[in-house]
Amino acid sequence: MTDFSRLQNIYWRIRYQRNRNLKRKYYRYAADEKKRLLDAGVDPEELRLMWRTLAKQHCEHAERHLKTYRSKVTEKLIFS
């Protein structure tokens, strides 16, 4: 499983930051972290669903889609 802790930390800072300039700064950090994770070989669909879950913290649909996707991927790995 991929470690998304740095990305989670960045999105937490974005949600609780009131200063617009600092928010933009953290969005740039998030974009750099996303590029780094994609270059490291993280599944792009899982990363997209993780972005959505982190960006919309109270959206239960985003979290449910991420859990469903992860369960399908683990099923494929088990049966392969």
Protein backbone atom coordinates (compact mmCIF):
# COMPACT_ATOMS: atom_id res chain seq x y z
CA MET A 1 0.00 0.00 0.00
CA THR A 2 1.25 3.45 -0.88
CA ASP A 3 2.01 6.00 1.81
CA PHE A 4 -0.18 9.05 1.23
CA SER A 5 0.62 10.71 4.57
CA ARG A 6 2.47 13.66 3.05
CA LEU A 7 -0.40 14.34 0.63
CA GLN A 8 -2.89 14.07 3.51
CA ASN A 9 -0.87 16.58 5.50
CA ILE A 10 -0.82 19.04 2.60
CA TYR A 11 -4.58 18.80 2.07
CA TRP A 12 -5.17 19.27 5.80
CA ARG A 13 -3.14 22.49 5.63
CA ILE A 14 -5.14 23.64 2.58
CA ARG A 15 -8.47 23.09 4.34
CA TYR A 16 -7.49 24.99 7.48
CA GLN A 17 -5.49 27.82 5.90
CA ARG A 18 -7.24 31.18 5.65
CA ASN A 19 -4.51 33.10 3.85
CA ARG A 20 -5.03 32.77 0.08
CA ASN A 21 -1.34 33.10 -0.75
CA LEU A 22 -0.43 30.25 1.57
CA LYS A 23 -3.29 28.17 0.18
CA ARG A 24 -1.87 28.56 -3.33
CA LYS A 25 1.54 27.59 -1.99
CA TYR A 26 0.12 24.37 -0.54
CA TYR A 27 -1.72 23.61 -3.77
CA ARG A 28 1.65 23.83 -5.56
CA TYR A 29 3.11 21.45 -2.97
CA ALA A 30 0.20 19.07 -3.59
CA ALA A 31 0.80 19.16 -7.36
CA ASP A 32 4.49 18.38 -6.84
CA GLU A 33 3.63 15.51 -4.50
CA LYS A 34 1.13 14.11 -7.02
CA LYS A 35 3.80 14.19 -9.75
CA ARG A 36 6.26 12.47 -7.43
CA LEU A 37 3.79 9.72 -6.59
CA LEU A 38 2.91 9.15 -10.26
CA ASP A 39 6.61 8.96 -11.16
CA ALA A 40 7.07 6.45 -8.32
CA GLY A 41 4.53 4.16 -10.00
CA VAL A 42 1.39 4.71 -7.96
CA ASP A 43 -1.83 3.64 -9.66
CA PRO A 44 -3.22 6.84 -11.28
CA GLU A 45 -6.85 5.90 -10.59
CA GLU A 46 -6.18 5.24 -6.91
CA LEU A 47 -4.33 8.55 -6.67
CA ARG A 48 -7.21 10.40 -8.36
CA LEU A 49 -9.71 8.88 -5.95
CA MET A 50 -7.44 9.75 -3.04
CA TRP A 51 -7.26 13.41 -4.21
CA ARG A 52 -11.01 13.52 -4.37
CA THR A 53 -11.39 12.02 -0.92
CA LEU A 54 -8.88 14.44 0.60
CA ALA A 55 -10.26 17.50 -1.17
CA LYS A 56 -13.86 16.79 -0.18
CA GLN A 57 -13.49 15.61 3.39
CA HIS A 58 -17.22 15.35 4.11
CA CYS A 59 -18.19 13.64 0.85
CA GLU A 60 -19.06 10.06 1.72
CA HIS A 61 -19.35 9.09 -1.95
CA ALA A 62 -15.69 9.88 -2.61
CA GLU A 63 -14.53 7.75 0.29
CA ARG A 64 -16.86 4.91 -0.70
CA HIS A 65 -15.53 4.93 -4.28
CA LEU A 66 -11.95 4.78 -2.97
CA LYS A 67 -12.75 1.82 -0.69
CA THR A 68 -14.55 0.00 -3.50
CA TYR A 69 -11.66 0.54 -5.90
CA ARG A 70 -9.11 -0.67 -3.35
CA SER A 71 -11.13 -3.81 -2.63
CA LYS A 72 -11.40 -4.60 -6.35
CA VAL A 73 -7.65 -4.16 -6.81
CA THR A 74 -6.85 -6.45 -3.89
CA GLU A 75 -9.29 -9.06 -5.25
CA LYS A 76 -7.48 -8.99 -8.60
CA LEU A 77 -4.14 -9.41 -6.87
CA ILE A 78 -5.39 -12.35 -4.79
CA PHE A 79 -6.88 -14.20 -7.75
CA SER A 80 -3.92 -13.53 -10.06
